[in-house]
C-alpha atoms as a PDB file:
ATOM      1  CA  MET A   1       0.000   0.000   0.000  1.00  0.00           C
ATOM      2  CA  ASN A   2       1.127   3.536  -0.716  1.00  0.00           C
ATOM      3  CA  PRO A   3       2.680   4.890   2.533  1.00  0.00           C
ATOM      4  CA  LEU A   4       0.906   8.228   2.043  1.00  0.00           C
ATOM      5  CA  VAL A   5      -2.444   6.404   2.231  1.00  0.00           C
ATOM      6  CA  VAL A   6      -1.299   4.637   5.407  1.00  0.00           C
ATOM      7  CA  VAL A   7      -0.316   7.969   6.963  1.00  0.00           C
ATOM      8  CA  ILE A   8      -3.649   9.570   6.036  1.00  0.00           C
ATOM      9  CA  VAL A   9      -5.626   6.645   7.481  1.00  0.00           C
ATOM     10  CA  THR A  10      -3.524   6.760  10.666  1.00  0.00           C
ATOM     11  CA  ALA A  11      -4.133  10.511  10.931  1.00  0.00           C
ATOM     12  CA  ALA A  12      -7.877  10.002  10.482  1.00  0.00           C
ATOM     13  CA  ILE A  13      -7.914   7.464  13.329  1.00  0.00           C
ATOM     14  CA  ALA A  14      -5.877   9.808  15.553  1.00  0.00           C
ATOM     15  CA  SER A  15      -8.228  12.705  14.747  1.00  0.00           C
ATOM     16  CA  ALA A  16     -11.303  10.630  15.547  1.00  0.00           C
ATOM     17  CA  PHE A  17      -9.759   9.586  18.862  1.00  0.00           C
ATOM     18  CA  ALA A  18      -8.860  13.177  19.803  1.00  0.00           C
ATOM     19  CA  LEU A  19     -12.298  14.435  18.810  1.00  0.00           C
ATOM     20  CA  ILE A  20     -14.157  11.815  20.846  1.00  0.00           C
ATOM     21  CA  ALA A  21     -11.797  12.144  23.823  1.00  0.00           C
ATOM     22  CA  GLN A  22     -12.052  15.922  24.056  1.00  0.00           C
ATOM     23  CA  PHE A  23     -15.850  15.927  24.054  1.00  0.00           C
ATOM     24  CA  VAL A  24     -16.142  13.020  26.482  1.00  0.00           C
ATOM     25  CA  THR A  25     -13.628  14.456  28.952  1.00  0.00           C
ATOM     26  CA  ARG A  26     -14.204  18.176  28.166  1.00  0.00           C
ATOM     27  CA  ASP A  27     -10.406  18.368  28.001  1.00  0.00           C
ATOM     28  CA  PHE A  28      -9.245  19.976  24.756  1.00  0.00           C
ATOM     29  CA  SER A  29      -5.545  19.058  25.048  1.00  0.00           C
ATOM     30  CA  TRP A  30      -5.648  15.591  23.509  1.00  0.00           C
ATOM     31  CA  VAL A  31      -3.993  16.752  20.299  1.00  0.00           C
ATOM     32  CA  ASP A  32      -1.239  18.282  22.435  1.00  0.00           C
ATOM     33  CA  ARG A  33      -0.608  14.820  23.896  1.00  0.00           C
ATOM     34  CA  LEU A  34      -0.367  13.308  20.424  1.00  0.00           C
ATOM     35  CA  TRP A  35       1.723  16.142  18.973  1.00  0.00           C
ATOM     36  CA  SER A  36       5.163  14.689  19.735  1.00  0.00           C
ATOM     37  CA  ILE A  37       4.154  11.108  18.882  1.00  0.00           C
ATOM     38  CA  LEU A  38       2.333  11.191  15.541  1.00  0.00           C
ATOM     39  CA  PRO A  39       5.128  12.739  13.409  1.00  0.00           C
ATOM     40  CA  VAL A  40       7.462   9.988  14.651  1.00  0.00           C
ATOM     41  CA  VAL A  41       4.912   7.395  13.524  1.00  0.00           C
ATOM     42  CA  TYR A  42       4.401   9.051  10.138  1.00  0.00           C
ATOM     43  CA  CYS A  43       8.117   9.342   9.335  1.00  0.00           C
ATOM     44  CA  GLY A  44       8.554   5.760  10.496  1.00  0.00           C
ATOM     45  CA  ILE A  45       5.855   4.674   8.029  1.00  0.00           C
ATOM     46  CA  PHE A  46       7.674   6.316   5.121  1.00  0.00           C
ATOM     47  CA  ALA A  47      11.040   4.865   6.141  1.00  0.00           C
ATOM     48  CA  GLY A  48       9.450   1.468   6.702  1.00  0.00           C
ATOM     49  CA  ALA A  49       7.816   1.539   3.268  1.00  0.00           C
ATOM     50  CA  ALA A  50      11.339   1.723   1.846  1.00  0.00           C
ATOM     51  CA  GLY A  51      12.292  -1.298   3.947  1.00  0.00           C
ATOM     52  CA  PHE A  52      14.540   0.893   6.112  1.00  0.00           C
ATOM     53  CA  THR A  53      17.120   0.641   3.326  1.00  0.00           C
ATOM     54  CA  ASP A  54      17.184   4.308   2.253  1.00  0.00           C
ATOM     55  CA  ALA A  55      19.830   6.275   4.166  1.00  0.00           C
ATOM     56  CA  ARG A  56      18.096   9.637   3.799  1.00  0.00           C
ATOM     57  CA  LEU A  57      14.723   8.335   5.001  1.00  0.00           C
ATOM     58  CA  ASN A  58      16.378   6.506   7.885  1.00  0.00           C
ATOM     59  CA  VAL A  59      18.160   9.684   8.982  1.00  0.00           C
ATOM     60  CA  MET A  60      14.956  11.715   8.676  1.00  0.00           C
ATOM     61  CA  ALA A  61      13.038   9.144  10.733  1.00  0.00           C
ATOM     62  CA  ALA A  62      15.812   9.005  13.355  1.00  0.00           C
ATOM     63  CA  LEU A  63      15.991  12.798  13.691  1.00  0.00           C
ATOM     64  CA  VAL A  64      12.227  13.095  14.061  1.00  0.00           C
ATOM     65  CA  ALA A  65      12.309  10.272  16.626  1.00  0.00           C
ATOM     66  CA  LEU A  66      14.890  12.237  18.652  1.00  0.00           C
ATOM     67  CA  TRP A  67      12.682  15.318  18.330  1.00  0.00           C
ATOM     68  CA  GLY A  68       9.716  13.275  19.568  1.00  0.00           C
ATOM     69  CA  VAL A  69      11.546  11.782  22.545  1.00  0.00           C
ATOM     70  CA  ARG A  70      12.796  15.181  23.673  1.00  0.00           C
ATOM     71  CA  LEU A  71       9.457  16.942  23.242  1.00  0.00           C
ATOM     72  CA  THR A  72       7.528  14.112  24.903  1.00  0.00           C
ATOM     73  CA  ALA A  73       9.861  14.184  27.917  1.00  0.00           C
ATOM     74  CA  ASN A  74       9.534  17.963  28.221  1.00  0.00           C
ATOM     75  CA  PHE A  75       5.749  17.790  27.899  1.00  0.00           C
ATOM     76  CA  ALA A  76       5.557  15.008  30.487  1.00  0.00           C
ATOM     77  CA  ARG A  77       7.625  16.815  33.122  1.00  0.00           C
ATOM     78  CA  LYS A  78       5.305  19.814  32.809  1.00  0.00           C
ATOM     79  CA  GLY A  79       2.338  17.562  33.589  1.00  0.00           C
ATOM     80  CA  GLY A  80       1.010  17.332  30.052  1.00  0.00           C
ATOM     81  CA  TYR A  81      -0.010  13.690  30.431  1.00  0.00           C
ATOM     82  CA  SER A  82      -1.516  14.113  33.893  1.00  0.00           C
ATOM     83  CA  GLY A  83      -4.841  15.399  32.605  1.00  0.00           C
ATOM     84  CA  THR A  84      -3.946  19.090  32.841  1.00  0.00           C
ATOM     85  CA  GLU A  85      -5.418  21.078  29.968  1.00  0.00           C
ATOM     86  CA  ASP A  86      -3.478  23.820  28.191  1.00  0.00           C
ATOM     87  CA  TYR A  87      -4.127  26.999  30.199  1.00  0.00           C
ATOM     88  CA  ARG A  88      -4.802  28.954  27.006  1.00  0.00           C
ATOM     89  CA  TRP A  89      -7.946  26.968  26.199  1.00  0.00           C
ATOM     90  CA  ALA A  90      -9.547  28.007  29.504  1.00  0.00           C
ATOM     91  CA  ILE A  91      -8.837  31.646  28.675  1.00  0.00           C
ATOM     92  CA  LEU A  92     -10.174  31.236  25.157  1.00  0.00           C
ATOM     93  CA  ARG A  93     -13.413  29.733  26.513  1.00  0.00           C
ATOM     94  CA  THR A  94     -14.126  33.006  28.278  1.00  0.00           C
ATOM     95  CA  ARG A  95     -13.798  34.872  24.976  1.00  0.00           C
ATOM     96  CA  MET A  96     -16.125  32.629  22.952  1.00  0.00           C
ATOM     97  CA  THR A  97     -19.655  31.344  23.197  1.00  0.00           C
ATOM     98  CA  PRO A  98     -19.933  27.606  23.959  1.00  0.00           C
ATOM     99  CA  ALA A  99     -21.002  26.913  20.363  1.00  0.00           C
ATOM    100  CA  ARG A 100     -18.086  28.846  18.884  1.00  0.00           C
ATOM    101  CA  PHE A 101     -15.588  27.162  21.173  1.00  0.00           C
ATOM    102  CA  ALA A 102     -17.020  23.735  20.302  1.00  0.00           C
ATOM    103  CA  ALA A 103     -16.576  24.531  16.607  1.00  0.00           C
ATOM    104  CA  PHE A 104     -13.061  25.795  17.340  1.00  0.00           C
ATOM    105  CA  GLY A 105     -12.346  22.497  19.084  1.00  0.00           C
ATOM    106  CA  VAL A 106     -13.415  20.489  16.043  1.00  0.00           C
ATOM    107  CA  PHE A 107     -12.009  22.506  13.157  1.00  0.00           C
ATOM    108  CA  PHE A 108      -8.885  24.087  14.634  1.00  0.00           C
ATOM    109  CA  ILE A 109      -7.737  21.998  17.581  1.00  0.00           C
ATOM    110  CA  VAL A 110      -8.445  18.599  16.017  1.00  0.00           C
ATOM    111  CA  LEU A 111      -8.724  18.830  12.233  1.00  0.00           C
ATOM    112  CA  TYR A 112      -6.348  21.685  11.428  1.00  0.00           C
ATOM    113  CA  GLN A 113      -3.637  20.678  13.870  1.00  0.00           C
ATOM    114  CA  ASN A 114      -3.788  17.014  12.872  1.00  0.00           C
ATOM    115  CA  ALA A 115      -3.525  18.076   9.232  1.00  0.00           C
ATOM    116  CA  ILE A 116      -0.395  20.055  10.077  1.00  0.00           C
ATOM    117  CA  LEU A 117       1.117  17.023  11.828  1.00  0.00           C
ATOM    118  CA  VAL A 118       0.745  15.116   8.563  1.00  0.00           C
ATOM    119  CA  LEU A 119       1.950  17.939   6.347  1.00  0.00           C
ATOM    120  CA  ILE A 120       5.174  18.637   8.269  1.00  0.00           C
ATOM    121  CA  THR A 121       6.258  15.020   7.737  1.00  0.00           C
ATOM    122  CA  LEU A 122       5.485  14.867   4.000  1.00  0.00           C
ATOM    123  CA  PRO A 123       9.036  15.821   2.971  1.00  0.00           C
ATOM    124  CA  ALA A 124       9.682  12.193   3.918  1.00  0.00           C
ATOM    125  CA  TYR A 125       7.186  11.252   1.200  1.00  0.00           C
ATOM    126  CA  THR A 126       9.150  13.397  -1.258  1.00  0.00           C
ATOM    127  CA  ALA A 127      12.303  11.547  -0.182  1.00  0.00           C
ATOM    128  CA  PHE A 128      10.443   8.248  -0.587  1.00  0.00           C
ATOM    129  CA  GLU A 129       9.538   9.140  -4.152  1.00  0.00           C
ATOM    130  CA  HIS A 130      13.146  10.117  -4.970  1.00  0.00           C
ATOM    131  CA  ARG A 131      15.023   7.228  -3.406  1.00  0.00           C
ATOM    132  CA  SER A 132      17.336   7.063  -6.417  1.00  0.00           C
ATOM    133  CA  THR A 133      19.285  10.100  -5.168  1.00  0.00           C
ATOM    134  CA  SER A 134      21.962   9.126  -2.686  1.00  0.00           C
ATOM    135  CA  PHE A 135      22.669  10.643   0.730  1.00  0.00           C
ATOM    136  CA  GLY A 136      25.297  13.340   0.204  1.00  0.00           C
ATOM    137  CA  VAL A 137      27.036  16.399   1.613  1.00  0.00           C
ATOM    138  CA  LEU A 138      23.884  18.544   1.626  1.00  0.00           C
ATOM    139  CA  ASP A 139      22.072  15.833   3.586  1.00  0.00           C
ATOM    140  CA  ALA A 140      24.937  15.746   6.086  1.00  0.00           C
ATOM    141  CA  LEU A 141      24.734  19.529   6.501  1.00  0.00           C
ATOM    142  CA  ALA A 142      20.958  19.306   6.975  1.00  0.00           C
ATOM    143  CA  THR A 143      21.499  16.611   9.619  1.00  0.00           C
ATOM    144  CA  ILE A 144      23.917  18.863  11.493  1.00  0.00           C
ATOM    145  CA  GLY A 145      21.473  21.766  11.201  1.00  0.00           C
ATOM    146  CA  PHE A 146      18.566  19.725  12.548  1.00  0.00           C
ATOM    147  CA  ALA A 147      20.708  18.448  15.445  1.00  0.00           C
ATOM    148  CA  GLY A 148      21.821  21.990  16.242  1.00  0.00           C
ATOM    149  CA  PHE A 149      18.252  23.296  16.322  1.00  0.00           C
ATOM    150  CA  LEU A 150      17.205  20.312  18.441  1.00  0.00           C
ATOM    151  CA  ALA A 151      19.961  21.160  20.930  1.00  0.00           C
ATOM    152  CA  GLY A 152      18.905  24.816  20.931  1.00  0.00           C
ATOM    153  CA  GLU A 153      15.302  23.934  21.730  1.00  0.00           C
ATOM    154  CA  SER A 154      16.469  21.611  24.512  1.00  0.00           C
ATOM    155  CA  ILE A 155      18.530  24.403  26.058  1.00  0.00           C
ATOM    156  CA  ALA A 156      15.650  26.902  25.795  1.00  0.00           C
ATOM    157  CA  ASP A 157      13.157  24.487  27.346  1.00  0.00           C
ATOM    158  CA  ASN A 158      15.539  23.572  30.163  1.00  0.00           C
ATOM    159  CA  GLN A 159      16.131  27.243  30.931  1.00  0.00           C
ATOM    160  CA  GLN A 160      12.370  27.794  31.038  1.00  0.00           C
ATOM    161  CA  TRP A 161      11.858  24.719  33.223  1.00  0.00           C
ATOM    162  CA  ARG A 162      14.499  25.816  35.761  1.00  0.00           C
ATOM    163  CA  PHE A 163      13.017  29.328  35.861  1.00  0.00           C
ATOM    164  CA  HIS A 164       9.507  28.063  36.588  1.00  0.00           C
ATOM    165  CA  GLN A 165      10.852  25.680  39.226  1.00  0.00           C
ATOM    166  CA  ARG A 166      12.578  28.625  40.904  1.00  0.00           C
ATOM    167  CA  LYS A 167       9.432  30.726  40.604  1.00  0.00           C
ATOM    168  CA  ARG A 168       7.338  27.923  42.109  1.00  0.00           C
ATOM    169  CA  ALA A 169       9.784  27.498  45.006  1.00  0.00           C
ATOM    170  CA  ALA A 170       9.688  31.249  45.707  1.00  0.00           C
ATOM    171  CA  ALA A 171       5.877  31.274  45.701  1.00  0.00           C
ATOM    172  CA  ALA A 172       5.851  28.406  48.200  1.00  0.00           C
ATOM    173  CA  VAL A 173       7.525  30.672  50.764  1.00  0.00           C
ATOM    174  CA  SER A 174       5.467  33.737  49.785  1.00  0.00           C
ATOM    175  CA  GLU A 175       8.287  35.307  47.829  1.00  0.00           C
ATOM    176  CA  SER A 176       8.369  36.523  44.245  1.00  0.00           C
ATOM    177  CA  VAL A 177      10.787  36.433  41.339  1.00  0.00           C
ATOM    178  CA  ASP A 178      11.644  39.682  39.589  1.00  0.00           C
ATOM    179  CA  PRO A 179      10.934  39.889  36.742  1.00  0.00           C
ATOM    180  CA  PRO A 180       8.173  37.266  36.847  1.00  0.00           C
ATOM    181  CA  PHE A 181       9.045  36.020  33.363  1.00  0.00           C
ATOM    182  CA  LEU A 182      12.244  34.605  31.891  1.00  0.00           C
ATOM    183  CA  VAL A 183      14.690  37.140  30.414  1.00  0.00           C
ATOM    184  CA  ASP A 184      18.033  35.317  30.764  1.00  0.00           C
ATOM    185  CA  GLY A 185      19.962  32.803  28.685  1.00  0.00           C
ATOM    186  CA  LEU A 186      18.566  32.331  25.195  1.00  0.00           C
ATOM    187  CA  TRP A 187      15.502  34.272  26.324  1.00  0.00           C
ATOM    188  CA  LYS A 188      17.645  37.400  26.394  1.00  0.00           C
ATOM    189  CA  TYR A 189      17.880  37.211  22.605  1.00  0.00           C
ATOM    190  CA  SER A 190      14.388  35.963  21.770  1.00  0.00           C
ATOM    191  CA  ARG A 191      11.090  36.076  23.611  1.00  0.00           C
ATOM    192  CA  HIS A 192      10.357  32.603  22.232  1.00  0.00           C
ATOM    193  CA  PRO A 193      13.626  30.821  21.390  1.00  0.00           C
ATOM    194  CA  ASN A 194      11.935  27.434  21.786  1.00  0.00           C
ATOM    195  CA  PHE A 195       9.406  28.416  19.106  1.00  0.00           C
ATOM    196  CA  PHE A 196      12.220  29.457  16.770  1.00  0.00           C
ATOM    197  CA  PHE A 197      14.152  26.199  17.114  1.00  0.00           C
ATOM    198  CA  GLU A 198      10.982  24.116  16.826  1.00  0.00           C
ATOM    199  CA  GLN A 199      10.003  25.689  13.516  1.00  0.00           C
ATOM    200  CA  ALA A 200      13.560  25.608  12.213  1.00  0.00           C
ATOM    201  CA  GLN A 201      13.730  21.834  12.612  1.00  0.00           C
ATOM    202  CA  TRP A 202      10.740  21.325  10.335  1.00  0.00           C
ATOM    203  CA  TRP A 203      12.119  23.711   7.731  1.00  0.00           C
ATOM    204  CA  VAL A 204      15.270  21.575   7.742  1.00  0.00           C
ATOM    205  CA  LEU A 205      13.163  18.443   7.325  1.00  0.00           C
ATOM    206  CA  PHE A 206      11.613  20.095   4.272  1.00  0.00           C
ATOM    207  CA  LEU A 207      15.135  20.643   2.922  1.00  0.00           C
ATOM    208  CA  PHE A 208      15.798  16.901   3.107  1.00  0.00           C
ATOM    209  CA  GLY A 209      12.913  16.338   0.713  1.00  0.00           C
ATOM    210  CA  ALA A 210      14.071  19.181  -1.519  1.00  0.00           C
ATOM    211  CA  ILE A 211      17.593  17.720  -1.617  1.00  0.00           C
ATOM    212  CA  ALA A 212      16.182  14.334  -2.615  1.00  0.00           C
ATOM    213  CA  ALA A 213      14.076  15.920  -5.380  1.00  0.00           C
ATOM    214  CA  GLY A 214      16.849  18.244  -6.502  1.00  0.00           C
ATOM    215  CA  SER A 215      14.684  21.370  -6.150  1.00  0.00           C
ATOM    216  CA  VAL A 216      13.208  23.533  -3.393  1.00  0.00           C
ATOM    217  CA  LEU A 217      10.063  23.952  -5.503  1.00  0.00           C
ATOM    218  CA  GLN A 218       8.145  21.246  -3.645  1.00  0.00           C
ATOM    219  CA  TRP A 219       4.500  21.405  -2.554  1.00  0.00           C
ATOM    220  CA  THR A 220       5.497  19.744   0.712  1.00  0.00           C
ATOM    221  CA  VAL A 221       6.784  23.140   1.872  1.00  0.00           C
ATOM    222  CA  LEU A 222       3.143  23.669   2.875  1.00  0.00           C
ATOM    223  CA  GLY A 223       3.708  21.835   6.161  1.00  0.00           C
ATOM    224  CA  ALA A 224       6.565  24.017   7.395  1.00  0.00           C
ATOM    225  CA  PHE A 225       4.757  27.131   6.162  1.00  0.00           C
ATOM    226  CA  LEU A 226       1.482  26.322   7.950  1.00  0.00           C
ATOM    227  CA  LEU A 227       3.362  25.362  11.109  1.00  0.00           C
ATOM    228  CA  THR A 228       5.007  28.786  11.059  1.00  0.00           C
ATOM    229  CA  VAL A 229       1.599  30.431  10.611  1.00  0.00           C
ATOM    230  CA  LEU A 230       0.300  28.401  13.562  1.00  0.00           C
ATOM    231  CA  PHE A 231       3.195  29.525  15.740  1.00  0.00           C
ATOM    232  CA  VAL A 232       2.690  33.158  14.750  1.00  0.00           C
ATOM    233  CA  GLY A 233      -0.909  32.965  15.979  1.00  0.00           C
ATOM    234  CA  SER A 234       0.151  31.103  19.117  1.00  0.00           C
ATOM    235  CA  THR A 235       2.831  33.703  19.842  1.00  0.00           C
ATOM    236  CA  VAL A 236       0.405  36.614  19.509  1.00  0.00           C
ATOM    237  CA  PHE A 237      -2.142  34.917  21.776  1.00  0.00           C
ATOM    238  CA  THR A 238       0.436  33.862  24.395  1.00  0.00           C
ATOM    239  CA  GLU A 239       1.954  37.324  24.500  1.00  0.00           C
ATOM    240  CA  SER A 240      -1.444  38.970  24.933  1.00  0.00           C
ATOM    241  CA  ILE A 241      -1.841  36.880  28.092  1.00  0.00           C
ATOM    242  CA  SER A 242       1.662  37.733  29.364  1.00  0.00           C
ATOM    243  CA  ALA A 243       1.210  41.449  28.666  1.00  0.00           C
ATOM    244  CA  ALA A 244      -2.082  41.470  30.567  1.00  0.00           C
ATOM    245  CA  LYS A 245      -0.522  39.716  33.574  1.00  0.00           C
ATOM    246  CA  TYR A 246       2.801  41.538  33.760  1.00  0.00           C
ATOM    247  CA  PRO A 247       3.086  45.314  33.138  1.00  0.00           C
ATOM    248  CA  ALA A 248       6.872  44.958  32.825  1.00  0.00           C
ATOM    249  CA  TYR A 249       6.440  42.648  29.851  1.00  0.00           C
ATOM    250  CA  ALA A 250       6.020  45.665  27.558  1.00  0.00           C
ATOM    251  CA  GLY A 251       9.625  46.690  28.198  1.00  0.00           C
ATOM    252  CA  TYR A 252      10.894  43.170  27.543  1.00  0.00           C
ATOM    253  CA  ARG A 253       8.882  43.051  24.334  1.00  0.00           C
ATOM    254  CA  ALA A 254      10.277  46.414  23.199  1.00  0.00           C
ATOM    255  CA  ARG A 255      13.928  45.395  23.520  1.00  0.00           C
ATOM    256  CA  THR A 256      13.844  41.678  22.658  1.00  0.00           C
ATOM    257  CA  SER A 257      13.272  39.986  19.306  1.00  0.00           C
ATOM    258  CA  ALA A 258       9.957  38.130  19.139  1.00  0.00           C
ATOM    259  CA  VAL A 259      11.150  34.806  17.725  1.00  0.00           C
ATOM    260  CA  VAL A 260      14.406  34.900  15.752  1.00  0.00           C
ATOM    261  CA  PRO A 261      17.315  35.268  18.244  1.00  0.00           C
ATOM    262  CA  TRP A 262      18.951  38.668  17.900  1.00  0.00           C
ATOM    263  CA  LEU A 263      20.932  41.127  19.977  1.00  0.00           C
ATOM    264  CA  PRO A 264      18.591  42.942  22.387  1.00  0.00           C
ATOM    265  CA  LYS A 265      18.012  46.643  22.058  1.00  0.00           C
ATOM    266  CA  PRO A 266      19.442  48.793  24.863  1.00  0.00           C
ATOM    267  CA  GLU A 267      17.009  49.745  27.577  1.00  0.00           C
ATOM    268  CA  ARG A 268      15.657  53.243  27.257  1.00  0.00           C
ATOM    269  CA  ALA A 269      17.145  55.642  29.741  1.00  0.00           C
ATOM    270  CA  GLU A 270      14.672  57.979  31.396  1.00  0.00           C
ATOM    271  CA  HIS A 271      15.928  61.543  31.322  1.00  0.00           C
ATOM    272  CA  ALA A 272      14.633  63.995  33.845  1.00  0.00           C
ATOM    273  CA  THR A 273      13.435  67.282  32.418  1.00  0.00           C
ATOM    274  CA  SER A 274      14.485  70.511  34.034  1.00  0.00           C
END
């Protein structure tokens, strides 16, 4: 059977499960729990369809598996599998009518996000269709790039985890952390370094497919593009919450790049007028 058909059928089953689970439990984070697992399965299907004999597909599947293990571990330590729903959905409920939020749950949370999880792995399908091209220098460079971005996301997430652990420990003894949001490490150069490295990995995966096909003009770029669009929306929404909670966030936003790491702008000095 064509591996693309297998992936689509698998995605349909996963979507049906998430849809049923979220309406039975009233917990709309089931897709979040599948997010780091399904791409590993999909890339494994493409590599398996080639009998695990194609070097490029094997490397792509292995890199995505490493991505999945890391992201799953990070999600688990934050309580993602303990039944805790994403805090943003609770906030969004207050901004929508029950009917609108239900529709949002079906079309965006389940269908759209599951479609993206398929699309970001389809460069592996491009590689499957162009197995005649051998693994070369460009593939090796892409492998190094993916590994570098994976390491960067790990560092960013660990910095965030340690900060929130420190913040939680301070709150336990009625103390506070100033500022109440992370501004050090990689977060000094980007307000969302983890978002940057996450997206970058999938753009690199697209490059693997383009290398196999011998051209960047591939329709499978749609996955990386739509993932970036998704993260743009997520960033805007997340920052609206942070700005509402923390007045000092405006200053951080003014001097720090939103996503792409960059040197921070100097803090404005306040000059007294005479």
